Amino acid sequence: MTVGDLKARFSKVIQDVKAGEEIAVAFGRKKEIVAYLIPRSARKSGERKLGQLKEKGTVSFAKDFAMTEDEFLGLYRKATPDPAG
């Protein structure tokens, strides 16, 4: 289903998803699938096992290492894609 179709039939699509249907959403000229709408019951729990990389690596910082919270957040913002595009 294209984004335009989804927008035009949003309420019906939501009803179909609630009834158990999974719907792929396509976007762009090539109509590449960019998202799936799935029933909440089909969703994974979201729980993640902690410690998967335990003892598989190390990290160390120089004694003179210093970074403010603003600097850290600035690096994070640069590395994180803007969801608005």
C-alpha atoms as a PDB file:
ATOM      1  CA  MET A   1       0.000   0.000   0.000  1.00  0.00           C
ATOM      2  CA  THR A   2       1.371   3.418  -0.877  1.00  0.00           C
ATOM      3  CA  VAL A   3       1.506   6.301   1.569  1.00  0.00           C
ATOM      4  CA  GLY A   4      -1.280   8.018  -0.413  1.00  0.00           C
ATOM      5  CA  ASP A   5      -3.506   4.944  -0.125  1.00  0.00           C
ATOM      6  CA  LEU A   6      -2.750   4.747   3.579  1.00  0.00           C
ATOM      7  CA  LYS A   7      -3.697   8.386   4.098  1.00  0.00           C
ATOM      8  CA  ALA A   8      -6.914   7.995   2.117  1.00  0.00           C
ATOM      9  CA  ARG A   9      -8.007   4.847   3.973  1.00  0.00           C
ATOM     10  CA  PHE A  10      -6.357   5.265   7.348  1.00  0.00           C
ATOM     11  CA  SER A  11      -9.353   4.314   9.518  1.00  0.00           C
ATOM     12  CA  LYS A  12     -10.030   1.161   7.481  1.00  0.00           C
ATOM     13  CA  VAL A  13      -6.353   0.211   7.560  1.00  0.00           C
ATOM     14  CA  ILE A  14      -6.290   0.542  11.344  1.00  0.00           C
ATOM     15  CA  GLN A  15      -9.364  -1.684  11.595  1.00  0.00           C
ATOM     16  CA  ASP A  16      -7.671  -4.269   9.364  1.00  0.00           C
ATOM     17  CA  VAL A  17      -4.521  -4.190  11.485  1.00  0.00           C
ATOM     18  CA  LYS A  18      -6.571  -4.557  14.664  1.00  0.00           C
ATOM     19  CA  ALA A  19      -8.202  -7.606  13.028  1.00  0.00           C
ATOM     20  CA  GLY A  20      -4.776  -9.203  12.581  1.00  0.00           C
ATOM     21  CA  GLU A  21      -3.684  -8.103   9.104  1.00  0.00           C
ATOM     22  CA  GLU A  22      -0.107  -6.971   8.494  1.00  0.00           C
ATOM     23  CA  ILE A  23       0.278  -4.119   5.999  1.00  0.00           C
ATOM     24  CA  ALA A  24       3.389  -2.973   4.162  1.00  0.00           C
ATOM     25  CA  VAL A  25       3.695   0.747   3.411  1.00  0.00           C
ATOM     26  CA  ALA A  26       5.535   1.756   0.226  1.00  0.00           C
ATOM     27  CA  PHE A  27       7.025   5.161  -0.536  1.00  0.00           C
ATOM     28  CA  GLY A  28       8.596   6.990  -3.445  1.00  0.00           C
ATOM     29  CA  ARG A  29       8.741   6.415  -7.178  1.00  0.00           C
ATOM     30  CA  LYS A  30      10.149   2.943  -6.740  1.00  0.00           C
ATOM     31  CA  LYS A  31       7.492   2.195  -4.129  1.00  0.00           C
ATOM     32  CA  GLU A  32      10.042   0.759  -1.746  1.00  0.00           C
ATOM     33  CA  ILE A  33       8.592  -0.685   1.441  1.00  0.00           C
ATOM     34  CA  VAL A  34       9.550   1.653   4.265  1.00  0.00           C
ATOM     35  CA  ALA A  35       7.333   0.384   7.088  1.00  0.00           C
ATOM     36  CA  TYR A  36       5.030  -2.340   8.257  1.00  0.00           C
ATOM     37  CA  LEU A  37       1.877  -1.915  10.272  1.00  0.00           C
ATOM     38  CA  ILE A  38       1.390  -4.978  12.425  1.00  0.00           C
ATOM     39  CA  PRO A  39      -1.070  -5.858  15.161  1.00  0.00           C
ATOM     40  CA  ARG A  40       0.186  -5.104  18.632  1.00  0.00           C
ATOM     41  CA  SER A  41      -0.149  -8.789  19.517  1.00  0.00           C
ATOM     42  CA  ALA A  42       2.413  -9.660  16.790  1.00  0.00           C
ATOM     43  CA  ARG A  43       4.994  -7.266  18.189  1.00  0.00           C
ATOM     44  CA  LYS A  44       8.027  -8.607  20.010  1.00  0.00           C
ATOM     45  CA  SER A  45       8.137  -7.979  23.733  1.00  0.00           C
ATOM     46  CA  GLY A  46      10.810  -5.330  23.358  1.00  0.00           C
ATOM     47  CA  GLU A  47      12.814  -6.823  26.196  1.00  0.00           C
ATOM     48  CA  ARG A  48      16.488  -7.102  25.452  1.00  0.00           C
ATOM     49  CA  LYS A  49      19.028  -9.274  27.115  1.00  0.00           C
ATOM     50  CA  LEU A  50      21.548  -7.099  28.929  1.00  0.00           C
ATOM     51  CA  GLY A  51      25.200  -7.939  28.951  1.00  0.00           C
ATOM     52  CA  GLN A  52      25.476  -9.553  25.522  1.00  0.00           C
ATOM     53  CA  LEU A  53      28.892  -7.961  25.040  1.00  0.00           C
ATOM     54  CA  LYS A  54      30.102  -8.517  28.589  1.00  0.00           C
ATOM     55  CA  GLU A  55      33.828  -9.295  28.658  1.00  0.00           C
ATOM     56  CA  LYS A  56      34.067  -8.964  24.839  1.00  0.00           C
ATOM     57  CA  GLY A  57      35.681  -5.556  24.833  1.00  0.00           C
ATOM     58  CA  THR A  58      37.024  -2.773  26.968  1.00  0.00           C
ATOM     59  CA  VAL A  59      36.964   0.969  27.025  1.00  0.00           C
ATOM     60  CA  SER A  60      39.370   3.327  28.705  1.00  0.00           C
ATOM     61  CA  PHE A  61      39.696   7.077  28.945  1.00  0.00           C
ATOM     62  CA  ALA A  62      42.784   9.194  29.360  1.00  0.00           C
ATOM     63  CA  LYS A  63      43.209  10.721  32.804  1.00  0.00           C
ATOM     64  CA  ASP A  64      42.788  14.193  31.345  1.00  0.00           C
ATOM     65  CA  PHE A  65      39.645  13.298  29.391  1.00  0.00           C
ATOM     66  CA  ALA A  66      36.837  15.770  29.972  1.00  0.00           C
ATOM     67  CA  MET A  67      33.567  16.360  28.184  1.00  0.00           C
ATOM     68  CA  THR A  68      30.639  18.453  29.278  1.00  0.00           C
ATOM     69  CA  GLU A  69      27.101  17.161  29.062  1.00  0.00           C
ATOM     70  CA  ASP A  70      26.384  19.683  26.286  1.00  0.00           C
ATOM     71  CA  GLU A  71      29.365  18.417  24.268  1.00  0.00           C
ATOM     72  CA  PHE A  72      28.216  14.834  24.711  1.00  0.00           C
ATOM     73  CA  LEU A  73      24.664  15.636  23.663  1.00  0.00           C
ATOM     74  CA  GLY A  74      25.973  17.586  20.671  1.00  0.00           C
ATOM     75  CA  LEU A  75      27.891  14.520  19.480  1.00  0.00           C
ATOM     76  CA  TYR A  76      24.800  12.383  19.995  1.00  0.00           C
ATOM     77  CA  ARG A  77      22.647  14.769  17.964  1.00  0.00           C
ATOM     78  CA  LYS A  78      25.159  14.761  15.089  1.00  0.00           C
ATOM     79  CA  ALA A  79      25.269  10.949  15.027  1.00  0.00           C
ATOM     80  CA  THR A  80      21.509  10.460  15.300  1.00  0.00           C
ATOM     81  CA  PRO A  81      19.405  10.895  12.131  1.00  0.00           C
ATOM     82  CA  ASP A  82      16.576  13.393  12.372  1.00  0.00           C
ATOM     83  CA  PRO A  83      13.293  11.392  12.219  1.00  0.00           C
ATOM     84  CA  ALA A  84      11.619  14.375  10.537  1.00  0.00           C
ATOM     85  CA  GLY A  85      13.963  13.902   7.587  1.00  0.00           C
END
